[in-house]
Amino acid sequence: MESKFWMPSITSQFKVCPVPFHMDTYRGCSYNCSYCFARDFVMFSRRNTEKTFTDLVSNESDKFGKWVERTLKKDYCYTKSHEVAFKEKIPLKIGATADPFPFIEKTNKITYNVLKILNEIDYPVEIQTKNPEILLEDYYRELDNANHVIAVTIITTDESFAKVCEPNAISVERRLSAIRKLVD
């Protein structure tokens, strides 16, 4: 899998987005939901490549850690809104245009490494995902008492309709089961 580094950014939809400071740990999405607003955005950015929407590119968590260290040591530079937002601990949304827990996360652990870095500095995070099951692995034990909120998207409880709209996502039943276990 290809990997690149990108830092957090502030969305241009600042007025309508409840968490306008975001960073994706992956680009592209293997769940391939039919209603995804990010599909056009991703495909436009890939217009001169052979990559499809479901081809993933991972962020480089080690470079993210170095960016965090540098940013926290710097003086404020108000022309760099993403650095100011980070220094002020504006909540960071992970999973804005790509799910942070694709199936490959079990082996790559990109999101896990990013969350560990953020947990070390008690940084507030909103995680948006269709796959909360992965948090049941070692994540919830090692990130216990983390300053994180987990939002799980479920568009319907009708499994057959969900399979049409979210063809590669885990079932609604599995999502609900994972939520119950995480809450317990």
N, C-alpha and C. Protein backbone atom coordinates (compact mmCIF):
# COMPACT_ATOMS: atom_id res chain seq x y z
N MET A 1 0.84 -1.18 0.00
CA MET A 1 0.00 0.00 0.00
C MET A 1 0.88 1.24 0.00
N GLU A 2 0.50 2.17 -0.80
CA GLU A 2 1.22 3.45 -0.86
C GLU A 2 0.96 4.23 0.42
N SER A 3 1.97 4.99 0.85
CA SER A 3 1.77 5.86 2.01
C SER A 3 2.36 7.23 1.73
N LYS A 4 1.72 8.24 2.30
CA LYS A 4 2.15 9.63 2.18
C LYS A 4 1.85 10.30 3.51
N PHE A 5 2.46 11.44 3.73
CA PHE A 5 2.13 12.19 4.94
C PHE A 5 1.27 13.39 4.60
N TRP A 6 0.22 13.56 5.36
CA TRP A 6 -0.57 14.79 5.30
C TRP A 6 -0.95 15.14 6.73
N MET A 7 -0.98 16.42 7.00
CA MET A 7 -1.27 16.89 8.35
C MET A 7 -2.75 17.26 8.47
N PRO A 8 -3.21 17.51 9.68
CA PRO A 8 -4.60 17.93 9.85
C PRO A 8 -4.88 19.22 9.10
N SER A 9 -6.15 19.44 8.79
CA SER A 9 -6.53 20.67 8.10
C SER A 9 -7.90 21.13 8.60
N ILE A 10 -8.20 22.36 8.26
CA ILE A 10 -9.50 22.93 8.62
C ILE A 10 -10.34 22.93 7.35
N THR A 11 -11.54 22.39 7.46
CA THR A 11 -12.41 22.29 6.30
C THR A 11 -12.90 23.67 5.87
N SER A 12 -13.20 23.78 4.61
CA SER A 12 -13.76 25.03 4.10
C SER A 12 -15.24 25.15 4.46
N GLN A 13 -15.82 24.07 5.00
CA GLN A 13 -17.22 24.08 5.42
C GLN A 13 -17.35 24.43 6.89
N PHE A 14 -16.50 25.33 7.34
CA PHE A 14 -16.40 25.69 8.75
C PHE A 14 -17.75 26.05 9.38
N LYS A 15 -18.59 26.77 8.64
CA LYS A 15 -19.86 27.23 9.20
C LYS A 15 -20.87 26.11 9.40
N VAL A 16 -20.79 25.05 8.63
CA VAL A 16 -21.79 23.98 8.72
C VAL A 16 -21.27 22.69 9.32
N CYS A 17 -19.98 22.57 9.48
CA CYS A 17 -19.39 21.33 9.97
C CYS A 17 -19.20 21.40 11.49
N PRO A 18 -19.78 20.45 12.24
CA PRO A 18 -19.65 20.51 13.70
C PRO A 18 -18.21 20.30 14.20
N VAL A 19 -17.41 19.57 13.44
CA VAL A 19 -16.00 19.37 13.81
C VAL A 19 -15.17 19.72 12.56
N PRO A 20 -14.85 21.00 12.38
CA PRO A 20 -14.21 21.44 11.14
C PRO A 20 -12.71 21.14 11.04
N PHE A 21 -12.09 20.69 12.13
CA PHE A 21 -10.67 20.37 12.13
C PHE A 21 -10.56 18.86 11.95
N HIS A 22 -9.91 18.41 10.89
CA HIS A 22 -9.94 16.98 10.60
C HIS A 22 -8.63 16.48 10.00
N MET A 23 -8.49 15.16 10.07
CA MET A 23 -7.38 14.47 9.44
C MET A 23 -7.81 13.04 9.19
N ASP A 24 -7.56 12.57 8.00
CA ASP A 24 -7.84 11.17 7.70
C ASP A 24 -6.55 10.37 7.82
N THR A 25 -6.69 9.18 8.34
CA THR A 25 -5.52 8.30 8.45
C THR A 25 -5.34 7.47 7.18
N TYR A 26 -6.39 7.45 6.36
CA TYR A 26 -6.33 6.81 5.05
C TYR A 26 -6.99 7.74 4.05
N ARG A 27 -6.65 7.58 2.79
CA ARG A 27 -7.36 8.26 1.70
C ARG A 27 -7.91 7.18 0.79
N GLY A 28 -9.13 7.40 0.34
CA GLY A 28 -9.86 6.35 -0.36
C GLY A 28 -10.64 5.59 0.70
N CYS A 29 -11.56 4.73 0.28
CA CYS A 29 -12.35 3.99 1.26
C CYS A 29 -12.77 2.66 0.69
N SER A 30 -12.49 1.61 1.40
CA SER A 30 -12.80 0.26 0.93
C SER A 30 -14.27 -0.11 1.12
N TYR A 31 -15.05 0.68 1.85
CA TYR A 31 -16.46 0.34 2.08
C TYR A 31 -17.35 0.68 0.89
N ASN A 32 -16.94 1.64 0.08
CA ASN A 32 -17.60 1.96 -1.19
C ASN A 32 -19.11 2.23 -1.06
N CYS A 33 -19.48 3.05 -0.09
CA CYS A 33 -20.88 3.38 0.14
C CYS A 33 -21.42 4.22 -1.02
N SER A 34 -22.63 3.90 -1.45
CA SER A 34 -23.21 4.57 -2.62
C SER A 34 -23.53 6.04 -2.37
N TYR A 35 -23.77 6.42 -1.15
CA TYR A 35 -24.15 7.79 -0.83
C TYR A 35 -22.98 8.66 -0.39
N CYS A 36 -21.78 8.18 -0.46
CA CYS A 36 -20.60 8.87 0.08
C CYS A 36 -20.35 10.21 -0.59
N PHE A 37 -20.31 11.26 0.22
CA PHE A 37 -20.03 12.60 -0.30
C PHE A 37 -18.56 12.75 -0.68
N ALA A 38 -17.70 11.95 -0.11
CA ALA A 38 -16.26 12.09 -0.34
C ALA A 38 -15.80 11.45 -1.65
N ARG A 39 -16.62 10.60 -2.22
CA ARG A 39 -16.23 9.89 -3.45
C ARG A 39 -15.82 10.86 -4.55
N ASP A 40 -16.64 11.88 -4.80
CA ASP A 40 -16.31 12.85 -5.87
C ASP A 40 -15.03 13.60 -5.54
N PHE A 41 -14.88 13.97 -4.29
CA PHE A 41 -13.67 14.67 -3.86
C PHE A 41 -12.42 13.83 -4.10
N VAL A 42 -12.48 12.58 -3.70
CA VAL A 42 -11.34 11.67 -3.85
C VAL A 42 -11.07 11.39 -5.33
N MET A 43 -12.12 11.11 -6.08
CA MET A 43 -11.92 10.80 -7.49
C MET A 43 -11.42 12.01 -8.27
N PHE A 44 -11.84 13.22 -7.89
CA PHE A 44 -11.32 14.41 -8.55
C PHE A 44 -9.82 14.54 -8.28
N SER A 45 -9.41 14.30 -7.05
CA SER A 45 -7.99 14.41 -6.73
C SER A 45 -7.17 13.31 -7.39
N ARG A 46 -7.81 12.23 -7.80
CA ARG A 46 -7.12 11.11 -8.46
C ARG A 46 -7.37 11.08 -9.97
N ARG A 47 -7.87 12.16 -10.53
CA ARG A 47 -8.29 12.18 -11.94
C ARG A 47 -7.19 11.84 -12.92
N ASN A 48 -5.95 12.05 -12.59
CA ASN A 48 -4.85 11.76 -13.51
C ASN A 48 -4.07 10.50 -13.12
N THR A 49 -4.71 9.63 -12.35
CA THR A 49 -4.06 8.39 -11.93
C THR A 49 -4.94 7.19 -12.29
N GLU A 50 -4.44 6.03 -12.04
CA GLU A 50 -5.20 4.80 -12.26
C GLU A 50 -5.96 4.38 -11.00
N LYS A 51 -5.78 5.11 -9.90
CA LYS A 51 -6.41 4.73 -8.64
C LYS A 51 -7.93 4.88 -8.69
N THR A 52 -8.62 3.96 -8.04
CA THR A 52 -10.06 4.07 -7.89
C THR A 52 -10.37 4.57 -6.48
N PHE A 53 -11.63 4.78 -6.20
CA PHE A 53 -12.05 5.26 -4.88
C PHE A 53 -11.67 4.27 -3.78
N THR A 54 -11.72 2.98 -4.09
CA THR A 54 -11.46 1.98 -3.06
C THR A 54 -9.97 1.69 -2.85
N ASP A 55 -9.10 2.25 -3.70
CA ASP A 55 -7.67 2.09 -3.50
C ASP A 55 -7.23 2.98 -2.33
N LEU A 56 -6.63 2.37 -1.33
CA LEU A 56 -6.25 3.11 -0.14
C LEU A 56 -4.81 3.61 -0.19
N VAL A 57 -4.62 4.79 0.39
CA VAL A 57 -3.29 5.34 0.64
C VAL A 57 -3.27 5.64 2.13
N SER A 58 -2.24 5.21 2.82
CA SER A 58 -2.21 5.44 4.27
C SER A 58 -1.35 6.65 4.62
N ASN A 59 -1.77 7.31 5.68
CA ASN A 59 -0.97 8.41 6.21
C ASN A 59 0.23 7.79 6.93
N GLU A 60 1.27 8.57 7.12
CA GLU A 60 2.48 8.08 7.78
C GLU A 60 2.47 8.54 9.24
N SER A 61 2.10 7.61 10.13
CA SER A 61 1.91 7.96 11.53
C SER A 61 3.20 8.42 12.20
N ASP A 62 4.35 7.91 11.77
CA ASP A 62 5.61 8.36 12.37
C ASP A 62 5.87 9.83 12.03
N LYS A 63 5.56 10.23 10.81
CA LYS A 63 5.73 11.63 10.42
C LYS A 63 4.69 12.51 11.11
N PHE A 64 3.50 11.95 11.36
CA PHE A 64 2.50 12.70 12.12
C PHE A 64 3.03 12.98 13.53
N GLY A 65 3.65 12.00 14.15
CA GLY A 65 4.22 12.20 15.49
C GLY A 65 5.27 13.30 15.49
N LYS A 66 6.11 13.33 14.48
CA LYS A 66 7.12 14.40 14.38
C LYS A 66 6.47 15.75 14.15
N TRP A 67 5.40 15.79 13.34
CA TRP A 67 4.67 17.03 13.11
C TRP A 67 4.08 17.55 14.43
N VAL A 68 3.53 16.64 15.22
CA VAL A 68 2.95 17.03 16.52
C VAL A 68 4.03 17.65 17.40
N GLU A 69 5.17 17.01 17.51
CA GLU A 69 6.27 17.53 18.34
C GLU A 69 6.70 18.92 17.88
N ARG A 70 6.92 19.07 16.59
CA ARG A 70 7.34 20.38 16.04
C ARG A 70 6.28 21.45 16.27
N THR A 71 5.04 21.10 16.03
CA THR A 71 3.95 22.08 16.15
C THR A 71 3.81 22.55 17.59
N LEU A 72 3.90 21.65 18.54
CA LEU A 72 3.75 22.04 19.94
C LEU A 72 4.90 22.90 20.44
N LYS A 73 6.07 22.77 19.83
CA LYS A 73 7.25 23.57 20.24
C LYS A 73 7.26 24.96 19.60
N LYS A 74 6.57 25.10 18.47
CA LYS A 74 6.60 26.37 17.73
C LYS A 74 5.80 27.46 18.44
N ASP A 75 6.17 28.70 18.12
CA ASP A 75 5.33 29.83 18.52
C ASP A 75 4.10 29.84 17.62
N TYR A 76 3.08 30.53 18.06
CA TYR A 76 1.86 30.65 17.25
C TYR A 76 2.16 31.40 15.96
N CYS A 77 1.65 30.88 14.86
CA CYS A 77 1.71 31.55 13.56
C CYS A 77 0.29 31.54 13.03
N TYR A 78 -0.37 32.68 13.12
CA TYR A 78 -1.79 32.74 12.83
C TYR A 78 -2.13 32.60 11.34
N THR A 79 -1.13 32.51 10.49
CA THR A 79 -1.40 32.22 9.08
C THR A 79 -1.49 30.71 8.85
N LYS A 80 -1.16 29.93 9.86
CA LYS A 80 -1.24 28.46 9.77
C LYS A 80 -2.35 27.99 10.71
N SER A 81 -3.57 28.09 10.22
CA SER A 81 -4.74 27.80 11.06
C SER A 81 -4.73 26.38 11.62
N HIS A 82 -4.22 25.43 10.86
CA HIS A 82 -4.19 24.05 11.35
C HIS A 82 -3.27 23.90 12.55
N GLU A 83 -2.16 24.65 12.58
CA GLU A 83 -1.26 24.60 13.73
C GLU A 83 -1.89 25.29 14.94
N VAL A 84 -2.55 26.41 14.71
CA VAL A 84 -3.22 27.12 15.80
C VAL A 84 -4.33 26.23 16.39
N ALA A 85 -5.13 25.62 15.52
CA ALA A 85 -6.20 24.73 15.98
C ALA A 85 -5.61 23.58 16.81
N PHE A 86 -4.50 23.03 16.38
CA PHE A 86 -3.89 21.94 17.11
C PHE A 86 -3.37 22.40 18.47
N LYS A 87 -2.68 23.52 18.49
CA LYS A 87 -2.12 24.03 19.74
C LYS A 87 -3.23 24.38 20.74
N GLU A 88 -4.39 24.81 20.22
CA GLU A 88 -5.53 25.17 21.08
C GLU A 88 -6.40 23.97 21.43
N LYS A 89 -5.99 22.79 20.96
CA LYS A 89 -6.72 21.54 21.20
C LYS A 89 -8.17 21.60 20.73
N ILE A 90 -8.36 22.18 19.54
CA ILE A 90 -9.66 22.10 18.90
C ILE A 90 -9.87 20.61 18.58
N PRO A 91 -11.02 20.03 18.91
CA PRO A 91 -11.22 18.60 18.65
C PRO A 91 -10.91 18.25 17.19
N LEU A 92 -10.22 17.14 17.03
CA LEU A 92 -9.80 16.66 15.72
C LEU A 92 -10.70 15.51 15.29
N LYS A 93 -11.31 15.65 14.12
CA LYS A 93 -12.14 14.58 13.59
C LYS A 93 -11.28 13.67 12.73
N ILE A 94 -11.29 12.39 13.07
CA ILE A 94 -10.59 11.39 12.26
C ILE A 94 -11.66 10.55 11.59
N GLY A 95 -11.66 10.58 10.27
CA GLY A 95 -12.67 9.87 9.51
C GLY A 95 -13.61 10.83 8.80
N ALA A 96 -13.07 11.94 8.35
CA ALA A 96 -13.91 12.94 7.67
C ALA A 96 -14.23 12.53 6.24
N THR A 97 -13.24 12.08 5.48
CA THR A 97 -13.49 11.69 4.09
C THR A 97 -13.06 10.25 3.81
N ALA A 98 -12.62 9.55 4.81
CA ALA A 98 -12.25 8.14 4.67
C ALA A 98 -12.39 7.47 6.03
N ASP A 99 -12.91 6.26 6.04
CA ASP A 99 -13.07 5.56 7.31
C ASP A 99 -11.69 5.24 7.90
N PRO A 100 -11.49 5.53 9.19
CA PRO A 100 -10.19 5.26 9.81
C PRO A 100 -9.94 3.79 10.12
N PHE A 101 -10.97 2.95 9.95
CA PHE A 101 -10.81 1.53 10.25
C PHE A 101 -11.18 0.63 9.08
N PRO A 102 -10.46 0.77 7.95
CA PRO A 102 -10.67 -0.21 6.88
C PRO A 102 -10.14 -1.55 7.38
N PHE A 103 -10.45 -2.60 6.69
CA PHE A 103 -10.04 -3.93 7.15
C PHE A 103 -8.52 -4.06 7.27
N ILE A 104 -7.78 -3.34 6.45
CA ILE A 104 -6.32 -3.41 6.49
C ILE A 104 -5.72 -2.77 7.74
N GLU A 105 -6.53 -2.00 8.46
CA GLU A 105 -6.06 -1.37 9.70
C GLU A 105 -5.61 -2.42 10.72
N LYS A 106 -6.19 -3.62 10.67
CA LYS A 106 -5.81 -4.68 11.61
C LYS A 106 -4.32 -5.00 11.51
N THR A 107 -3.76 -4.88 10.32
CA THR A 107 -2.33 -5.17 10.17
C THR A 107 -1.49 -3.89 10.10
N ASN A 108 -2.01 -2.85 9.45
CA ASN A 108 -1.23 -1.60 9.31
C ASN A 108 -1.16 -0.77 10.57
N LYS A 109 -2.26 -0.70 11.31
CA LYS A 109 -2.36 0.05 12.57
C LYS A 109 -1.98 1.53 12.44
N ILE A 110 -2.29 2.12 11.31
CA ILE A 110 -2.02 3.55 11.11
C ILE A 110 -2.87 4.39 12.06
N THR A 111 -4.17 4.14 12.06
CA THR A 111 -5.07 4.89 12.94
C THR A 111 -4.70 4.65 14.40
N TYR A 112 -4.41 3.43 14.74
CA TYR A 112 -4.01 3.09 16.12
C TYR A 112 -2.80 3.92 16.55
N ASN A 113 -1.78 4.00 15.69
CA ASN A 113 -0.58 4.76 16.03
C ASN A 113 -0.87 6.25 16.18
N VAL A 114 -1.73 6.79 15.32
CA VAL A 114 -2.12 8.20 15.42
C VAL A 114 -2.87 8.44 16.73
N LEU A 115 -3.80 7.53 17.06
CA LEU A 115 -4.57 7.68 18.30
C LEU A 115 -3.67 7.59 19.54
N LYS A 116 -2.66 6.73 19.50
CA LYS A 116 -1.72 6.64 20.62
C LYS A 116 -0.98 7.96 20.82
N ILE A 117 -0.54 8.57 19.72
CA ILE A 117 0.16 9.86 19.79
C ILE A 117 -0.76 10.91 20.40
N LEU A 118 -1.99 10.96 19.94
CA LEU A 118 -2.94 11.96 20.44
C LEU A 118 -3.32 11.68 21.89
N ASN A 119 -3.40 10.41 22.25
CA ASN A 119 -3.73 10.04 23.63
C ASN A 119 -2.63 10.48 24.60
N GLU A 120 -1.38 10.40 24.16
CA GLU A 120 -0.25 10.79 25.02
C GLU A 120 -0.31 12.26 25.43
N ILE A 121 -0.93 13.09 24.60
CA ILE A 121 -1.02 14.52 24.92
C ILE A 121 -2.45 14.91 25.29
N ASP A 122 -3.30 13.91 25.57
CA ASP A 122 -4.68 14.12 25.97
C ASP A 122 -5.42 15.01 24.98
N TYR A 123 -5.27 14.69 23.71
CA TYR A 123 -5.88 15.50 22.66
C TYR A 123 -7.31 15.01 22.39
N PRO A 124 -8.30 15.92 22.30
CA PRO A 124 -9.68 15.50 22.03
C PRO A 124 -9.89 15.08 20.58
N VAL A 125 -10.50 13.93 20.38
CA VAL A 125 -10.68 13.35 19.06
C VAL A 125 -12.11 12.83 18.89
N GLU A 126 -12.68 13.07 17.71
CA GLU A 126 -13.92 12.40 17.32
C GLU A 126 -13.55 11.42 16.22
N ILE A 127 -13.90 10.17 16.43
CA ILE A 127 -13.63 9.11 15.45
C ILE A 127 -14.95 8.77 14.77
N GLN A 128 -14.99 8.90 13.45
CA GLN A 128 -16.19 8.58 12.66
C GLN A 128 -15.90 7.29 11.90
N THR A 129 -16.70 6.25 12.11
CA THR A 129 -16.42 4.96 11.48
C THR A 129 -17.66 4.13 11.21
N LYS A 130 -17.51 3.17 10.34
CA LYS A 130 -18.51 2.13 10.10
C LYS A 130 -18.02 0.80 10.67
N ASN A 131 -16.84 0.80 11.23
CA ASN A 131 -16.25 -0.45 11.71
C ASN A 131 -15.75 -0.31 13.16
N PRO A 132 -16.68 -0.20 14.12
CA PRO A 132 -16.24 -0.08 15.51
C PRO A 132 -15.65 -1.37 16.07
N GLU A 133 -15.83 -2.49 15.37
CA GLU A 133 -15.29 -3.77 15.85
C GLU A 133 -13.79 -3.71 16.08
N ILE A 134 -13.11 -2.99 15.25
CA ILE A 134 -11.65 -2.96 15.36
C ILE A 134 -11.19 -2.35 16.69
N LEU A 135 -12.04 -1.49 17.24
CA LEU A 135 -11.72 -0.91 18.55
C LEU A 135 -11.75 -1.95 19.66
N LEU A 136 -12.41 -3.07 19.42
CA LEU A 136 -12.49 -4.13 20.42
C LEU A 136 -11.21 -4.95 20.50
N GLU A 137 -10.33 -4.77 19.53
CA GLU A 137 -9.05 -5.48 19.55
C GLU A 137 -8.27 -4.96 20.77
N ASP A 138 -7.10 -4.44 20.59
CA ASP A 138 -6.32 -3.90 21.72
C ASP A 138 -6.56 -2.42 21.93
N TYR A 139 -7.25 -1.80 21.01
CA TYR A 139 -7.42 -0.35 21.05
C TYR A 139 -8.04 0.13 22.36
N TYR A 140 -9.19 -0.43 22.71
CA TYR A 140 -9.90 0.11 23.86
C TYR A 140 -9.16 -0.13 25.17
N ARG A 141 -8.38 -1.19 25.27
CA ARG A 141 -7.59 -1.42 26.49
C ARG A 141 -6.41 -0.46 26.57
N GLU A 142 -5.73 -0.30 25.47
CA GLU A 142 -4.54 0.55 25.47
C GLU A 142 -4.86 2.03 25.42
N LEU A 143 -6.05 2.37 24.97
CA LEU A 143 -6.46 3.77 24.90
C LEU A 143 -7.55 4.06 25.93
N ASP A 144 -7.55 3.30 27.01
CA ASP A 144 -8.52 3.47 28.08
C ASP A 144 -8.45 4.90 28.62
N ASN A 145 -9.59 5.49 28.85
CA ASN A 145 -9.70 6.87 29.35
C ASN A 145 -9.17 7.90 28.37
N ALA A 146 -9.09 7.53 27.11
CA ALA A 146 -8.64 8.49 26.10
C ALA A 146 -9.71 9.57 25.92
N ASN A 147 -9.29 10.72 25.47
CA ASN A 147 -10.17 11.86 25.26
C ASN A 147 -10.79 11.74 23.86
N HIS A 148 -11.51 10.63 23.63
CA HIS A 148 -12.05 10.30 22.32
C HIS A 148 -13.55 10.09 22.40
N VAL A 149 -14.23 10.47 21.33
CA VAL A 149 -15.64 10.17 21.13
C VAL A 149 -15.71 9.32 19.87
N ILE A 150 -16.53 8.30 19.90
CA ILE A 150 -16.65 7.42 18.73
C ILE A 150 -18.06 7.58 18.16
N ALA A 151 -18.13 7.94 16.89
CA ALA A 151 -19.40 8.05 16.18
C ALA A 151 -19.46 6.95 15.14
N VAL A 152 -20.50 6.14 15.20
CA VAL A 152 -20.65 5.02 14.28
C VAL A 152 -21.82 5.33 13.35
N THR A 153 -21.58 5.29 12.05
CA THR A 153 -22.64 5.59 11.10
C THR A 153 -23.45 4.35 10.78
N ILE A 154 -24.77 4.52 10.92
CA ILE A 154 -25.74 3.48 10.58
C ILE A 154 -26.88 4.21 9.87
N ILE A 155 -27.11 3.89 8.62
CA ILE A 155 -28.16 4.60 7.88
C ILE A 155 -29.50 3.90 7.94
N THR A 156 -29.50 2.62 8.29
CA THR A 156 -30.73 1.84 8.35
C THR A 156 -30.47 0.60 9.20
N THR A 157 -31.55 0.00 9.70
CA THR A 157 -31.40 -1.29 10.39
C THR A 157 -31.83 -2.44 9.47
N ASP A 158 -32.25 -2.11 8.27
CA ASP A 158 -32.62 -3.11 7.26
C ASP A 158 -31.33 -3.60 6.60
N GLU A 159 -30.93 -4.82 6.97
CA GLU A 159 -29.65 -5.36 6.50
C GLU A 159 -29.57 -5.46 4.98
N SER A 160 -30.65 -5.84 4.31
CA SER A 160 -30.59 -5.99 2.85
C SER A 160 -30.42 -4.63 2.17
N PHE A 161 -31.08 -3.60 2.70
CA PHE A 161 -30.92 -2.26 2.15
C PHE A 161 -29.51 -1.73 2.45
N ALA A 162 -29.02 -1.99 3.65
CA ALA A 162 -27.67 -1.55 4.03
C ALA A 162 -26.63 -2.18 3.12
N LYS A 163 -26.82 -3.43 2.75
CA LYS A 163 -25.85 -4.12 1.88
C LYS A 163 -25.80 -3.49 0.49
N VAL A 164 -26.91 -2.94 0.03
CA VAL A 164 -26.94 -2.26 -1.26
C VAL A 164 -26.20 -0.92 -1.14
N CYS A 165 -26.47 -0.19 -0.08
CA CYS A 165 -25.89 1.16 0.09
C CYS A 165 -24.45 1.14 0.58
N GLU A 166 -24.13 0.16 1.40
CA GLU A 166 -22.79 0.05 2.00
C GLU A 166 -22.24 -1.35 1.73
N PRO A 167 -21.93 -1.66 0.48
CA PRO A 167 -21.66 -3.05 0.09
C PRO A 167 -20.50 -3.74 0.80
N ASN A 168 -19.51 -2.99 1.22
CA ASN A 168 -18.34 -3.63 1.82
C ASN A 168 -18.20 -3.36 3.32
N ALA A 169 -19.17 -2.69 3.90
CA ALA A 169 -19.13 -2.41 5.34
C ALA A 169 -19.59 -3.62 6.14
N ILE A 170 -19.20 -3.67 7.40
CA ILE A 170 -19.68 -4.76 8.25
C ILE A 170 -21.19 -4.57 8.47
N SER A 171 -21.87 -5.63 8.84
CA SER A 171 -23.33 -5.57 8.98
C SER A 171 -23.74 -4.61 10.10
N VAL A 172 -24.97 -4.16 10.01
CA VAL A 172 -25.52 -3.29 11.04
C VAL A 172 -25.53 -4.02 12.38
N GLU A 173 -25.89 -5.28 12.36
CA GLU A 173 -25.91 -6.07 13.59
C GLU A 173 -24.52 -6.11 14.25
N ARG A 174 -23.49 -6.31 13.45
CA ARG A 174 -22.13 -6.33 14.00
C ARG A 174 -21.74 -4.97 14.55
N ARG A 175 -22.15 -3.89 13.87
CA ARG A 175 -21.85 -2.54 14.38
C ARG A 175 -22.52 -2.31 15.73
N LEU A 176 -23.80 -2.68 15.81
CA LEU A 176 -24.54 -2.50 17.07
C LEU A 176 -23.95 -3.35 18.19
N SER A 177 -23.56 -4.56 17.86
CA SER A 177 -22.93 -5.44 18.84
C SER A 177 -21.62 -4.84 19.35
N ALA A 178 -20.82 -4.31 18.45
CA ALA A 178 -19.55 -3.68 18.84
C ALA A 178 -19.79 -2.47 19.72
N ILE A 179 -20.81 -1.67 19.39
CA ILE A 179 -21.13 -0.51 20.21
C ILE A 179 -21.50 -0.95 21.62
N ARG A 180 -22.33 -1.99 21.73
CA ARG A 180 -22.73 -2.51 23.06
C ARG A 180 -21.49 -2.94 23.86
N LYS A 181 -20.60 -3.66 23.21
CA LYS A 181 -19.39 -4.13 23.91
C LYS A 181 -18.50 -2.98 24.33
N LEU A 182 -18.37 -1.98 23.48
CA LEU A 182 -17.54 -0.81 23.82
C LEU A 182 -18.13 -0.03 24.99
N VAL A 183 -19.44 0.11 24.99
CA VAL A 183 -20.10 0.81 26.10
C VAL A 183 -19.92 0.04 27.40
N ASP A 184 -20.06 -1.29 27.33
CA ASP A 184 -19.89 -2.11 28.54
C ASP A 184 -18.46 -2.04 29.02
